[in-house]
Amino acid sequence: MTPLVSIIVPVYGTEKYIEKCATSLFGQTYPNIEYIFVNDGTKDNAIGVLEALIKEKFPSKADSTIIINKENEGLGMTRIRGLERASGEYVLFVDSDDWVDTDMVEKMMKKALECDSDMVYCGRWKEYGKRRYCGRVNDITPCDGPEFVRQMHLDKVKAYMWNKIAKRKFYFTGGVQVPKNGMHEDLVFLTQYVYPMGRIDCVPEPFCHYRKDNENAITAEGKSRQKQQSSENLLRLYTFLKSKGGDGPLKVCAYNLLAKAAWYAIKGGKPELLREYPEATKDFAASHYHPVCCKGLYKQLRSLAYCRKIAKTL
C-alpha cells in the first residue's frame, strides 16, 4: 500500500491560473493522493473554474478532492486550515498560480520511501511567460533538520514550501508562529517545522514551475513594502522562538535570522521596526556575530553596526 499524500493548495486571486495548476495535480502518476483546495475568500471565480474542471475533465477525482471555503486570513493561516483537514502521511504544498510535473509526487515519494526521509526537496523552474530559468539546487543531503535550518538561514538552500514533500506529523498546527505578512512566510514556517526532522533528502530534478509573471502575486508588491514585511516576520519569529526558551531553531540560526531582519528593515526604509522589537535588537547588538560569507559581508556588517547604534538608545 502506497502512503497517502495530501496536496494542499491555497486559492486566492488565481482564476487565470488555477486550471493549469489543478490539471498538473490531477494528472499525477502517483496513485494515492488527496487534494485539498483552500479558498481564502477569493474575490474572483477561481473556485468556479476548479469545480468546472473537476466536473468536466476529472470526475474520477471528485471523491478525493476537498474544497474548503473560508474568510480571508492570509496565506499562512490558509495553509494551516488545509493541514487541519489533511489525512495523508505526507504533505505537499502547491501555490495555485504554479504547476508541477506529473511525475513529481511519484519520484519524490520513491526517494522518501527508499531513504525513510522525513522530508524530500527538489529543483524548480522559474517561469517568466515566454522564458524560463532553471534554479540551481544545492544538494546538502542527507542531513538532519537542524543542519537544514542552518543552511536555509545561510541562503545555501531555498526556503520554499512548495518544492518539499514532508511527513505530516512534523507540520504541527498548534504552537507555531504564523507569519503576519506574506514575505518570507515560507522561511518562518520551515524554520519551525523542519528543525525536529531526522533525515532530509534531495531529488535535484526541477519538478516545480514557479510562476513569476503573476501581477497579483504577493511578491509583486513594491520592493520597499516587501522588505518591511520580511523584517517584521523575521523579528516576530525571533521573539516567538526566544519566548519558548530558545532551545530549538535559535541554536543554529539566531544571529543570521536577526542579520536578515535588520537588513530588510534598513533597506525597506523602516529602520524604526528595530525599535519595536527591542529585545531582538539588543540581542543582536550584544552578539559576537561574525559574517558568514563574503557575498553578504557588507549587509551583515551594516546591520550589526546599525543595531548597536540603536541599542544604545533603547
C-alpha atoms as a PDB file:
ATOM      1  CA  MET A   1       0.000   0.000   0.000  1.00  0.00           C
ATOM      2  CA  THR A   2       1.464   3.364  -1.021  1.00  0.00           C
ATOM      3  CA  PRO A   3       1.236   6.082   1.670  1.00  0.00           C
ATOM      4  CA  LEU A   4      -1.435   8.729   1.205  1.00  0.00           C
ATOM      5  CA  VAL A   5      -0.111  12.142   0.134  1.00  0.00           C
ATOM      6  CA  SER A   6      -2.152  15.271   0.888  1.00  0.00           C
ATOM      7  CA  ILE A   7      -1.644  18.096  -1.607  1.00  0.00           C
ATOM      8  CA  ILE A   8      -2.725  21.424  -0.083  1.00  0.00           C
ATOM      9  CA  VAL A   9      -3.442  24.317  -2.444  1.00  0.00           C
ATOM     10  CA  PRO A  10      -4.265  27.818  -1.103  1.00  0.00           C
ATOM     11  CA  VAL A  11      -6.528  29.674  -3.539  1.00  0.00           C
ATOM     12  CA  TYR A  12      -6.776  33.433  -3.848  1.00  0.00           C
ATOM     13  CA  GLY A  13      -6.962  35.571  -6.980  1.00  0.00           C
ATOM     14  CA  THR A  14      -5.806  32.857  -9.373  1.00  0.00           C
ATOM     15  CA  GLU A  15      -8.768  32.451 -11.731  1.00  0.00           C
ATOM     16  CA  LYS A  16      -6.385  32.750 -14.713  1.00  0.00           C
ATOM     17  CA  TYR A  17      -4.003  30.087 -13.479  1.00  0.00           C
ATOM     18  CA  ILE A  18      -5.801  27.527 -11.344  1.00  0.00           C
ATOM     19  CA  GLU A  19      -6.851  25.281 -14.247  1.00  0.00           C
ATOM     20  CA  LYS A  20      -3.232  24.667 -15.236  1.00  0.00           C
ATOM     21  CA  CYS A  21      -2.251  24.112 -11.608  1.00  0.00           C
ATOM     22  CA  ALA A  22      -5.070  21.663 -10.859  1.00  0.00           C
ATOM     23  CA  THR A  23      -4.594  19.784 -14.143  1.00  0.00           C
ATOM     24  CA  SER A  24      -0.956  19.138 -13.257  1.00  0.00           C
ATOM     25  CA  LEU A  25      -2.034  17.815  -9.845  1.00  0.00           C
ATOM     26  CA  PHE A  26      -4.913  15.636 -11.025  1.00  0.00           C
ATOM     27  CA  GLY A  27      -2.587  14.125 -13.636  1.00  0.00           C
ATOM     28  CA  GLN A  28      -0.043  12.862 -11.089  1.00  0.00           C
ATOM     29  CA  THR A  29       1.241   9.351 -11.731  1.00  0.00           C
ATOM     30  CA  TYR A  30       1.382   8.578  -8.009  1.00  0.00           C
ATOM     31  CA  PRO A  31      -1.767   6.567  -7.185  1.00  0.00           C
ATOM     32  CA  ASN A  32      -2.728   7.641  -3.656  1.00  0.00           C
ATOM     33  CA  ILE A  33      -3.391  11.382  -3.313  1.00  0.00           C
ATOM     34  CA  GLU A  34      -5.999  13.568  -1.650  1.00  0.00           C
ATOM     35  CA  TYR A  35      -6.397  17.121  -2.940  1.00  0.00           C
ATOM     36  CA  ILE A  36      -7.257  19.951  -0.554  1.00  0.00           C
ATOM     37  CA  PHE A  37      -8.044  23.336  -2.109  1.00  0.00           C
ATOM     38  CA  VAL A  38      -8.473  26.085   0.484  1.00  0.00           C
ATOM     39  CA  ASN A  39     -10.416  29.123  -0.737  1.00  0.00           C
ATOM     40  CA  ASP A  40      -9.044  32.097   1.216  1.00  0.00           C
ATOM     41  CA  GLY A  41     -12.062  34.260   0.428  1.00  0.00           C
ATOM     42  CA  THR A  42     -11.019  34.857  -3.166  1.00  0.00           C
ATOM     43  CA  LYS A  43     -12.971  37.591  -4.943  1.00  0.00           C
ATOM     44  CA  ASP A  44     -12.678  36.065  -8.417  1.00  0.00           C
ATOM     45  CA  ASN A  45     -14.111  32.869  -9.932  1.00  0.00           C
ATOM     46  CA  ALA A  46     -11.111  30.620  -9.206  1.00  0.00           C
ATOM     47  CA  ILE A  47     -13.215  28.087  -7.279  1.00  0.00           C
ATOM     48  CA  GLY A  48     -15.834  28.048 -10.043  1.00  0.00           C
ATOM     49  CA  VAL A  49     -13.114  27.260 -12.592  1.00  0.00           C
ATOM     50  CA  LEU A  50     -11.821  24.473 -10.342  1.00  0.00           C
ATOM     51  CA  GLU A  51     -15.257  22.927  -9.847  1.00  0.00           C
ATOM     52  CA  ALA A  52     -15.969  23.013 -13.580  1.00  0.00           C
ATOM     53  CA  LEU A  53     -12.613  21.389 -14.312  1.00  0.00           C
ATOM     54  CA  ILE A  54     -13.348  18.504 -11.933  1.00  0.00           C
ATOM     55  CA  LYS A  55     -16.849  18.004 -13.325  1.00  0.00           C
ATOM     56  CA  GLU A  56     -15.903  18.168 -16.994  1.00  0.00           C
ATOM     57  CA  LYS A  57     -12.410  16.637 -17.167  1.00  0.00           C
ATOM     58  CA  PHE A  58     -11.585  14.905 -13.877  1.00  0.00           C
ATOM     59  CA  PRO A  59     -14.812  13.434 -12.428  1.00  0.00           C
ATOM     60  CA  SER A  60     -12.803  10.498 -11.060  1.00  0.00           C
ATOM     61  CA  LYS A  61     -11.008  12.952  -8.717  1.00  0.00           C
ATOM     62  CA  ALA A  62     -14.198  14.308  -7.129  1.00  0.00           C
ATOM     63  CA  ASP A  63     -14.208  11.854  -4.224  1.00  0.00           C
ATOM     64  CA  SER A  64     -10.567  12.551  -3.387  1.00  0.00           C
ATOM     65  CA  THR A  65     -10.919  16.342  -3.591  1.00  0.00           C
ATOM     66  CA  ILE A  66     -11.822  18.608  -0.672  1.00  0.00           C
ATOM     67  CA  ILE A  67     -12.704  22.277  -1.209  1.00  0.00           C
ATOM     68  CA  ILE A  68     -12.652  24.444   1.913  1.00  0.00           C
ATOM     69  CA  ASN A  69     -14.313  27.866   1.720  1.00  0.00           C
ATOM     70  CA  LYS A  70     -13.453  30.417   4.383  1.00  0.00           C
ATOM     71  CA  GLU A  71     -12.983  34.115   5.033  1.00  0.00           C
ATOM     72  CA  ASN A  72      -9.721  35.751   4.035  1.00  0.00           C
ATOM     73  CA  GLU A  73      -6.978  35.075   6.599  1.00  0.00           C
ATOM     74  CA  GLY A  74      -3.807  35.249   4.534  1.00  0.00           C
ATOM     75  CA  LEU A  75      -1.532  32.569   3.146  1.00  0.00           C
ATOM     76  CA  GLY A  76      -0.142  31.353   6.473  1.00  0.00           C
ATOM     77  CA  MET A  77      -3.480  30.564   8.103  1.00  0.00           C
ATOM     78  CA  THR A  78      -4.815  29.198   4.814  1.00  0.00           C
ATOM     79  CA  ARG A  79      -2.076  26.582   4.773  1.00  0.00           C
ATOM     80  CA  ILE A  80      -2.837  25.679   8.372  1.00  0.00           C
ATOM     81  CA  ARG A  81      -6.554  25.256   7.557  1.00  0.00           C
ATOM     82  CA  GLY A  82      -5.511  22.788   4.892  1.00  0.00           C
ATOM     83  CA  LEU A  83      -3.283  20.921   7.342  1.00  0.00           C
ATOM     84  CA  GLU A  84      -6.178  20.638   9.781  1.00  0.00           C
ATOM     85  CA  ARG A  85      -8.157  18.687   7.168  1.00  0.00           C
ATOM     86  CA  ALA A  86      -5.271  16.633   5.789  1.00  0.00           C
ATOM     87  CA  SER A  87      -5.195  12.860   6.295  1.00  0.00           C
ATOM     88  CA  GLY A  88      -2.035  11.934   4.382  1.00  0.00           C
ATOM     89  CA  GLU A  89       1.103  10.542   5.910  1.00  0.00           C
ATOM     90  CA  TYR A  90       2.968  13.018   3.708  1.00  0.00           C
ATOM     91  CA  VAL A  91       2.078  16.584   2.712  1.00  0.00           C
ATOM     92  CA  LEU A  92       2.915  18.694  -0.330  1.00  0.00           C
ATOM     93  CA  PHE A  93       2.012  22.389  -0.655  1.00  0.00           C
ATOM     94  CA  VAL A  94       1.426  23.870  -4.116  1.00  0.00           C
ATOM     95  CA  ASP A  95       0.561  27.503  -4.868  1.00  0.00           C
ATOM     96  CA  SER A  96      -2.463  27.827  -7.150  1.00  0.00           C
ATOM     97  CA  ASP A  97      -0.705  30.025  -9.723  1.00  0.00           C
ATOM     98  CA  ASP A  98       2.116  27.477 -10.169  1.00  0.00           C
ATOM     99  CA  TRP A  99       2.150  23.987 -11.647  1.00  0.00           C
ATOM    100  CA  VAL A 100       4.213  20.817 -11.307  1.00  0.00           C
ATOM    101  CA  ASP A 101       5.385  17.931 -13.488  1.00  0.00           C
ATOM    102  CA  THR A 102       3.008  14.980 -13.397  1.00  0.00           C
ATOM    103  CA  ASP A 103       5.671  12.577 -12.071  1.00  0.00           C
ATOM    104  CA  MET A 104       6.741  14.860  -9.218  1.00  0.00           C
ATOM    105  CA  VAL A 105       4.976  13.061  -6.389  1.00  0.00           C
ATOM    106  CA  GLU A 106       5.923   9.601  -7.658  1.00  0.00           C
ATOM    107  CA  LYS A 107       9.644  10.380  -7.902  1.00  0.00           C
ATOM    108  CA  MET A 108       9.843  12.279  -4.625  1.00  0.00           C
ATOM    109  CA  MET A 109       7.905   9.628  -2.738  1.00  0.00           C
ATOM    110  CA  LYS A 110      10.172   6.941  -4.187  1.00  0.00           C
ATOM    111  CA  LYS A 111      13.121   8.767  -2.627  1.00  0.00           C
ATOM    112  CA  ALA A 112      11.280   9.306   0.659  1.00  0.00           C
ATOM    113  CA  LEU A 113      10.391   5.625   0.993  1.00  0.00           C
ATOM    114  CA  GLU A 114      13.813   4.357  -0.063  1.00  0.00           C
ATOM    115  CA  CYS A 115      15.597   6.546   2.493  1.00  0.00           C
ATOM    116  CA  ASP A 116      12.868   6.779   5.156  1.00  0.00           C
ATOM    117  CA  SER A 117      13.107  10.557   4.752  1.00  0.00           C
ATOM    118  CA  ASP A 118      11.168  12.979   6.898  1.00  0.00           C
ATOM    119  CA  MET A 119      11.358  15.459   4.024  1.00  0.00           C
ATOM    120  CA  VAL A 120      12.454  15.443   0.379  1.00  0.00           C
ATOM    121  CA  TYR A 121      13.037  18.596  -1.667  1.00  0.00           C
ATOM    122  CA  CYS A 122      13.517  19.086  -5.400  1.00  0.00           C
ATOM    123  CA  GLY A 123      14.556  21.604  -8.022  1.00  0.00           C
ATOM    124  CA  ARG A 124      12.332  24.206  -9.684  1.00  0.00           C
ATOM    125  CA  TRP A 125      11.815  26.212 -12.838  1.00  0.00           C
ATOM    126  CA  LYS A 126      11.238  29.951 -12.669  1.00  0.00           C
ATOM    127  CA  GLU A 127       8.642  30.738 -15.310  1.00  0.00           C
ATOM    128  CA  TYR A 128       8.579  34.238 -16.836  1.00  0.00           C
ATOM    129  CA  GLY A 129       5.974  33.694 -19.535  1.00  0.00           C
ATOM    130  CA  LYS A 130       7.992  33.418 -22.721  1.00  0.00           C
ATOM    131  CA  ARG A 131      11.198  32.393 -20.992  1.00  0.00           C
ATOM    132  CA  ARG A 132      12.195  30.166 -18.106  1.00  0.00           C
ATOM    133  CA  TYR A 133      15.145  29.719 -15.823  1.00  0.00           C
ATOM    134  CA  CYS A 134      16.180  26.525 -14.036  1.00  0.00           C
ATOM    135  CA  GLY A 135      17.163  27.455 -10.489  1.00  0.00           C
ATOM    136  CA  ARG A 136      20.274  25.705  -9.204  1.00  0.00           C
ATOM    137  CA  VAL A 137      19.662  23.193  -6.428  1.00  0.00           C
ATOM    138  CA  ASN A 138      22.238  22.944  -3.669  1.00  0.00           C
ATOM    139  CA  ASP A 139      22.096  19.325  -2.530  1.00  0.00           C
ATOM    140  CA  ILE A 140      23.331  19.306   1.074  1.00  0.00           C
ATOM    141  CA  THR A 141      21.721  15.957   1.865  1.00  0.00           C
ATOM    142  CA  PRO A 142      21.463  13.666   3.597  1.00  0.00           C
ATOM    143  CA  CYS A 143      21.219  15.926   6.608  1.00  0.00           C
ATOM    144  CA  ASP A 144      19.011  16.433   9.637  1.00  0.00           C
ATOM    145  CA  GLY A 145      16.595  19.228  10.500  1.00  0.00           C
ATOM    146  CA  PRO A 146      18.946  21.494  12.486  1.00  0.00           C
ATOM    147  CA  GLU A 147      21.532  21.442   9.705  1.00  0.00           C
ATOM    148  CA  PHE A 148      18.898  22.192   7.067  1.00  0.00           C
ATOM    149  CA  VAL A 149      17.616  25.158   9.108  1.00  0.00           C
ATOM    150  CA  ARG A 150      21.175  26.454   9.455  1.00  0.00           C
ATOM    151  CA  GLN A 151      21.732  26.157   5.699  1.00  0.00           C
ATOM    152  CA  MET A 152      18.430  27.947   4.941  1.00  0.00           C
ATOM    153  CA  HIS A 153      19.476  30.913   7.036  1.00  0.00           C
ATOM    154  CA  LEU A 154      22.854  30.938   5.325  1.00  0.00           C
ATOM    155  CA  ASP A 155      20.981  31.052   1.986  1.00  0.00           C
ATOM    156  CA  LYS A 156      22.569  27.770   0.902  1.00  0.00           C
ATOM    157  CA  VAL A 157      19.189  26.114   0.289  1.00  0.00           C
ATOM    158  CA  LYS A 158      15.938  27.807  -0.652  1.00  0.00           C
ATOM    159  CA  ALA A 159      13.145  28.125   1.891  1.00  0.00           C
ATOM    160  CA  TYR A 160      10.226  27.246  -0.380  1.00  0.00           C
ATOM    161  CA  MET A 161       7.241  25.331   0.971  1.00  0.00           C
ATOM    162  CA  TRP A 162       6.151  24.151  -2.482  1.00  0.00           C
ATOM    163  CA  ASN A 163       9.180  22.076  -3.511  1.00  0.00           C
ATOM    164  CA  LYS A 164       9.111  19.832  -0.446  1.00  0.00           C
ATOM    165  CA  ILE A 165       7.218  16.678   0.495  1.00  0.00           C
ATOM    166  CA  ALA A 166       7.314  16.039   4.245  1.00  0.00           C
ATOM    167  CA  LYS A 167       5.765  13.759   6.820  1.00  0.00           C
ATOM    168  CA  ARG A 168       2.615  15.414   8.100  1.00  0.00           C
ATOM    169  CA  LYS A 169       3.462  14.728  11.752  1.00  0.00           C
ATOM    170  CA  PHE A 170       6.094  17.473  11.594  1.00  0.00           C
ATOM    171  CA  TYR A 171       3.592  20.047  10.365  1.00  0.00           C
ATOM    172  CA  PHE A 172       2.052  20.620  13.758  1.00  0.00           C
ATOM    173  CA  THR A 173      -0.799  23.126  13.669  1.00  0.00           C
ATOM    174  CA  GLY A 174      -0.529  24.305  17.275  1.00  0.00           C
ATOM    175  CA  GLY A 175       2.168  26.355  18.984  1.00  0.00           C
ATOM    176  CA  VAL A 176       3.564  27.789  15.786  1.00  0.00           C
ATOM    177  CA  GLN A 177       4.324  31.385  14.874  1.00  0.00           C
ATOM    178  CA  VAL A 178       2.097  32.243  11.912  1.00  0.00           C
ATOM    179  CA  PRO A 179       3.578  34.964   9.674  1.00  0.00           C
ATOM    180  CA  LYS A 180       1.718  38.256   9.878  1.00  0.00           C
ATOM    181  CA  ASN A 181       2.625  39.223   6.321  1.00  0.00           C
ATOM    182  CA  GLY A 182       3.306  37.425   3.055  1.00  0.00           C
ATOM    183  CA  MET A 183       7.053  37.984   2.604  1.00  0.00           C
ATOM    184  CA  HIS A 184       9.482  35.330   3.883  1.00  0.00           C
ATOM    185  CA  GLU A 185       6.423  33.421   5.079  1.00  0.00           C
ATOM    186  CA  ASP A 186       7.942  30.118   3.929  1.00  0.00           C
ATOM    187  CA  LEU A 187      11.163  30.725   5.869  1.00  0.00           C
ATOM    188  CA  VAL A 188       9.179  31.457   9.033  1.00  0.00           C
ATOM    189  CA  PHE A 189       7.207  28.223   8.749  1.00  0.00           C
ATOM    190  CA  LEU A 190      10.081  25.991   7.672  1.00  0.00           C
ATOM    191  CA  THR A 191      12.370  27.223  10.454  1.00  0.00           C
ATOM    192  CA  GLN A 192       9.841  25.834  12.921  1.00  0.00           C
ATOM    193  CA  TYR A 193       8.672  22.750  11.028  1.00  0.00           C
ATOM    194  CA  VAL A 194      11.987  21.362   9.783  1.00  0.00           C
ATOM    195  CA  TYR A 195      14.104  21.629  12.928  1.00  0.00           C
ATOM    196  CA  PRO A 196      12.789  18.400  14.583  1.00  0.00           C
ATOM    197  CA  MET A 197      13.276  16.279  11.458  1.00  0.00           C
ATOM    198  CA  GLY A 198      15.731  13.399  11.492  1.00  0.00           C
ATOM    199  CA  ARG A 199      16.589  12.888   7.825  1.00  0.00           C
ATOM    200  CA  ILE A 200      16.190  15.119   4.762  1.00  0.00           C
ATOM    201  CA  ASP A 201      16.999  14.111   1.184  1.00  0.00           C
ATOM    202  CA  CYS A 202      17.021  15.746  -2.253  1.00  0.00           C
ATOM    203  CA  VAL A 203      15.850  14.864  -5.756  1.00  0.00           C
ATOM    204  CA  PRO A 204      17.534  17.610  -7.801  1.00  0.00           C
ATOM    205  CA  GLU A 205      15.238  17.365 -10.836  1.00  0.00           C
ATOM    206  CA  PRO A 206      13.189  20.581 -11.404  1.00  0.00           C
ATOM    207  CA  PHE A 207       9.618  19.346 -10.943  1.00  0.00           C
ATOM    208  CA  CYS A 208       8.081  22.666  -9.806  1.00  0.00           C
ATOM    209  CA  HIS A 209       7.174  25.545 -12.120  1.00  0.00           C
ATOM    210  CA  TYR A 210       7.261  28.790 -10.120  1.00  0.00           C
ATOM    211  CA  ARG A 211       5.277  31.448 -11.950  1.00  0.00           C
ATOM    212  CA  LYS A 212       6.987  34.837 -11.925  1.00  0.00           C
ATOM    213  CA  ASP A 213       4.606  36.672 -14.274  1.00  0.00           C
ATOM    214  CA  ASN A 214       1.553  36.821 -11.983  1.00  0.00           C
ATOM    215  CA  GLU A 215       0.916  40.524 -11.421  1.00  0.00           C
ATOM    216  CA  ASN A 216      -1.377  39.773  -8.481  1.00  0.00           C
ATOM    217  CA  ALA A 217       1.118  37.674  -6.536  1.00  0.00           C
ATOM    218  CA  ILE A 218       2.309  38.747  -3.098  1.00  0.00           C
ATOM    219  CA  THR A 219       5.847  39.030  -4.429  1.00  0.00           C
ATOM    220  CA  ALA A 220       4.669  41.597  -6.999  1.00  0.00           C
ATOM    221  CA  GLU A 221       4.279  44.217  -4.255  1.00  0.00           C
ATOM    222  CA  GLY A 222       6.639  47.194  -4.087  1.00  0.00           C
ATOM    223  CA  LYS A 223      10.175  46.287  -3.074  1.00  0.00           C
ATOM    224  CA  SER A 224      10.215  48.557  -0.022  1.00  0.00           C
ATOM    225  CA  ARG A 225       6.973  47.061   1.225  1.00  0.00           C
ATOM    226  CA  GLN A 226       8.349  43.560   0.661  1.00  0.00           C
ATOM    227  CA  LYS A 227      11.421  44.273   2.757  1.00  0.00           C
ATOM    228  CA  GLN A 228       9.350  45.797   5.567  1.00  0.00           C
ATOM    229  CA  GLN A 229       7.122  42.724   5.680  1.00  0.00           C
ATOM    230  CA  SER A 230      10.121  40.404   5.650  1.00  0.00           C
ATOM    231  CA  SER A 231      11.744  42.275   8.520  1.00  0.00           C
ATOM    232  CA  GLU A 232       8.629  42.192  10.683  1.00  0.00           C
ATOM    233  CA  ASN A 233       8.004  38.500  10.029  1.00  0.00           C
ATOM    234  CA  LEU A 234      11.569  37.592  10.990  1.00  0.00           C
ATOM    235  CA  LEU A 235      11.621  39.816  14.078  1.00  0.00           C
ATOM    236  CA  ARG A 236       8.338  38.292  15.258  1.00  0.00           C
ATOM    237  CA  LEU A 237       9.706  34.809  14.665  1.00  0.00           C
ATOM    238  CA  TYR A 238      12.833  35.517  16.718  1.00  0.00           C
ATOM    239  CA  THR A 239      10.780  36.951  19.587  1.00  0.00           C
ATOM    240  CA  PHE A 240       8.411  33.969  19.496  1.00  0.00           C
ATOM    241  CA  LEU A 241      11.178  31.359  19.464  1.00  0.00           C
ATOM    242  CA  LYS A 242      13.039  33.068  22.287  1.00  0.00           C
ATOM    243  CA  SER A 243       9.855  33.160  24.377  1.00  0.00           C
ATOM    244  CA  LYS A 244       9.774  29.368  24.104  1.00  0.00           C
ATOM    245  CA  GLY A 245      13.214  29.084  25.651  1.00  0.00           C
ATOM    246  CA  GLY A 246      15.406  29.399  22.578  1.00  0.00           C
ATOM    247  CA  ASP A 247      16.413  25.726  22.752  1.00  0.00           C
ATOM    248  CA  GLY A 248      15.248  24.869  19.237  1.00  0.00           C
ATOM    249  CA  PRO A 249      15.939  26.607  15.924  1.00  0.00           C
ATOM    250  CA  LEU A 250      17.572  29.617  17.570  1.00  0.00           C
ATOM    251  CA  LYS A 251      20.522  27.402  18.454  1.00  0.00           C
ATOM    252  CA  VAL A 252      21.509  27.255  14.804  1.00  0.00           C
ATOM    253  CA  CYS A 253      20.104  30.399  13.167  1.00  0.00           C
ATOM    254  CA  ALA A 254      19.604  33.173  15.757  1.00  0.00           C
ATOM    255  CA  TYR A 255      22.091  35.781  14.555  1.00  0.00           C
ATOM    256  CA  ASN A 256      21.712  35.018  10.868  1.00  0.00           C
ATOM    257  CA  LEU A 257      17.961  35.474  11.317  1.00  0.00           C
ATOM    258  CA  LEU A 258      18.484  38.822  13.049  1.00  0.00           C
ATOM    259  CA  ALA A 259      21.007  39.971  10.453  1.00  0.00           C
ATOM    260  CA  LYS A 260      18.399  39.397   7.738  1.00  0.00           C
ATOM    261  CA  ALA A 261      15.684  41.138   9.761  1.00  0.00           C
ATOM    262  CA  ALA A 262      17.840  44.207  10.394  1.00  0.00           C
ATOM    263  CA  TRP A 263      18.959  44.469   6.775  1.00  0.00           C
ATOM    264  CA  TYR A 264      15.406  44.283   5.447  1.00  0.00           C
ATOM    265  CA  ALA A 265      14.277  46.950   7.921  1.00  0.00           C
ATOM    266  CA  ILE A 266      17.063  49.270   6.803  1.00  0.00           C
ATOM    267  CA  LYS A 267      16.637  48.679   3.063  1.00  0.00           C
ATOM    268  CA  GLY A 268      12.851  48.815   3.337  1.00  0.00           C
ATOM    269  CA  GLY A 269      13.083  52.358   4.660  1.00  0.00           C
ATOM    270  CA  LYS A 270      11.621  51.440   8.035  1.00  0.00           C
ATOM    271  CA  PRO A 271      14.514  51.007  10.466  1.00  0.00           C
ATOM    272  CA  GLU A 272      12.199  52.058  13.305  1.00  0.00           C
ATOM    273  CA  LEU A 273      10.892  48.483  13.202  1.00  0.00           C
ATOM    274  CA  LEU A 274      14.008  47.558  15.141  1.00  0.00           C
ATOM    275  CA  ARG A 275      12.855  49.793  17.991  1.00  0.00           C
ATOM    276  CA  GLU A 276       9.555  47.922  18.113  1.00  0.00           C
ATOM    277  CA  TYR A 277      11.473  44.733  18.892  1.00  0.00           C
ATOM    278  CA  PRO A 278      13.998  45.978  21.494  1.00  0.00           C
ATOM    279  CA  GLU A 279      14.894  42.546  22.877  1.00  0.00           C
ATOM    280  CA  ALA A 280      15.826  41.211  19.450  1.00  0.00           C
ATOM    281  CA  THR A 281      17.773  44.363  18.582  1.00  0.00           C
ATOM    282  CA  LYS A 282      19.692  44.294  21.867  1.00  0.00           C
ATOM    283  CA  ASP A 283      20.482  40.595  21.482  1.00  0.00           C
ATOM    284  CA  PHE A 284      21.956  41.159  18.042  1.00  0.00           C
ATOM    285  CA  ALA A 285      23.858  44.257  19.121  1.00  0.00           C
ATOM    286  CA  ALA A 286      25.435  42.387  22.039  1.00  0.00           C
ATOM    287  CA  SER A 287      26.357  39.337  19.986  1.00  0.00           C
ATOM    288  CA  HIS A 288      29.780  38.286  18.811  1.00  0.00           C
ATOM    289  CA  TYR A 289      28.296  37.714  15.377  1.00  0.00           C
ATOM    290  CA  HIS A 290      30.738  37.011  12.589  1.00  0.00           C
ATOM    291  CA  PRO A 291      29.586  37.466   8.991  1.00  0.00           C
ATOM    292  CA  VAL A 292      29.171  34.065   7.396  1.00  0.00           C
ATOM    293  CA  CYS A 293      30.236  34.701   3.806  1.00  0.00           C
ATOM    294  CA  CYS A 294      31.856  37.319   1.616  1.00  0.00           C
ATOM    295  CA  LYS A 295      28.733  37.593  -0.542  1.00  0.00           C
ATOM    296  CA  GLY A 296      26.730  39.231   2.238  1.00  0.00           C
ATOM    297  CA  LEU A 297      29.588  40.813   4.164  1.00  0.00           C
ATOM    298  CA  TYR A 298      28.548  44.448   3.670  1.00  0.00           C
ATOM    299  CA  LYS A 299      24.917  43.767   4.512  1.00  0.00           C
ATOM    300  CA  GLN A 300      25.774  41.842   7.655  1.00  0.00           C
ATOM    301  CA  LEU A 301      28.312  44.360   8.968  1.00  0.00           C
ATOM    302  CA  ARG A 302      25.997  47.302   8.303  1.00  0.00           C
ATOM    303  CA  SER A 303      23.084  45.532  10.007  1.00  0.00           C
ATOM    304  CA  LEU A 304      25.176  44.807  13.079  1.00  0.00           C
ATOM    305  CA  ALA A 305      26.541  48.361  13.268  1.00  0.00           C
ATOM    306  CA  TYR A 306      23.059  49.849  12.954  1.00  0.00           C
ATOM    307  CA  CYS A 307      21.628  47.616  15.674  1.00  0.00           C
ATOM    308  CA  ARG A 308      24.477  48.529  18.008  1.00  0.00           C
ATOM    309  CA  LYS A 309      23.745  52.208  17.398  1.00  0.00           C
ATOM    310  CA  ILE A 310      20.013  51.794  18.101  1.00  0.00           C
ATOM    311  CA  ALA A 311      20.617  49.578  21.150  1.00  0.00           C
ATOM    312  CA  LYS A 312      22.368  52.443  22.930  1.00  0.00           C
ATOM    313  CA  THR A 313      19.102  54.417  22.899  1.00  0.00           C
ATOM    314  CA  LEU A 314      16.746  51.607  23.988  1.00  0.00           C
END
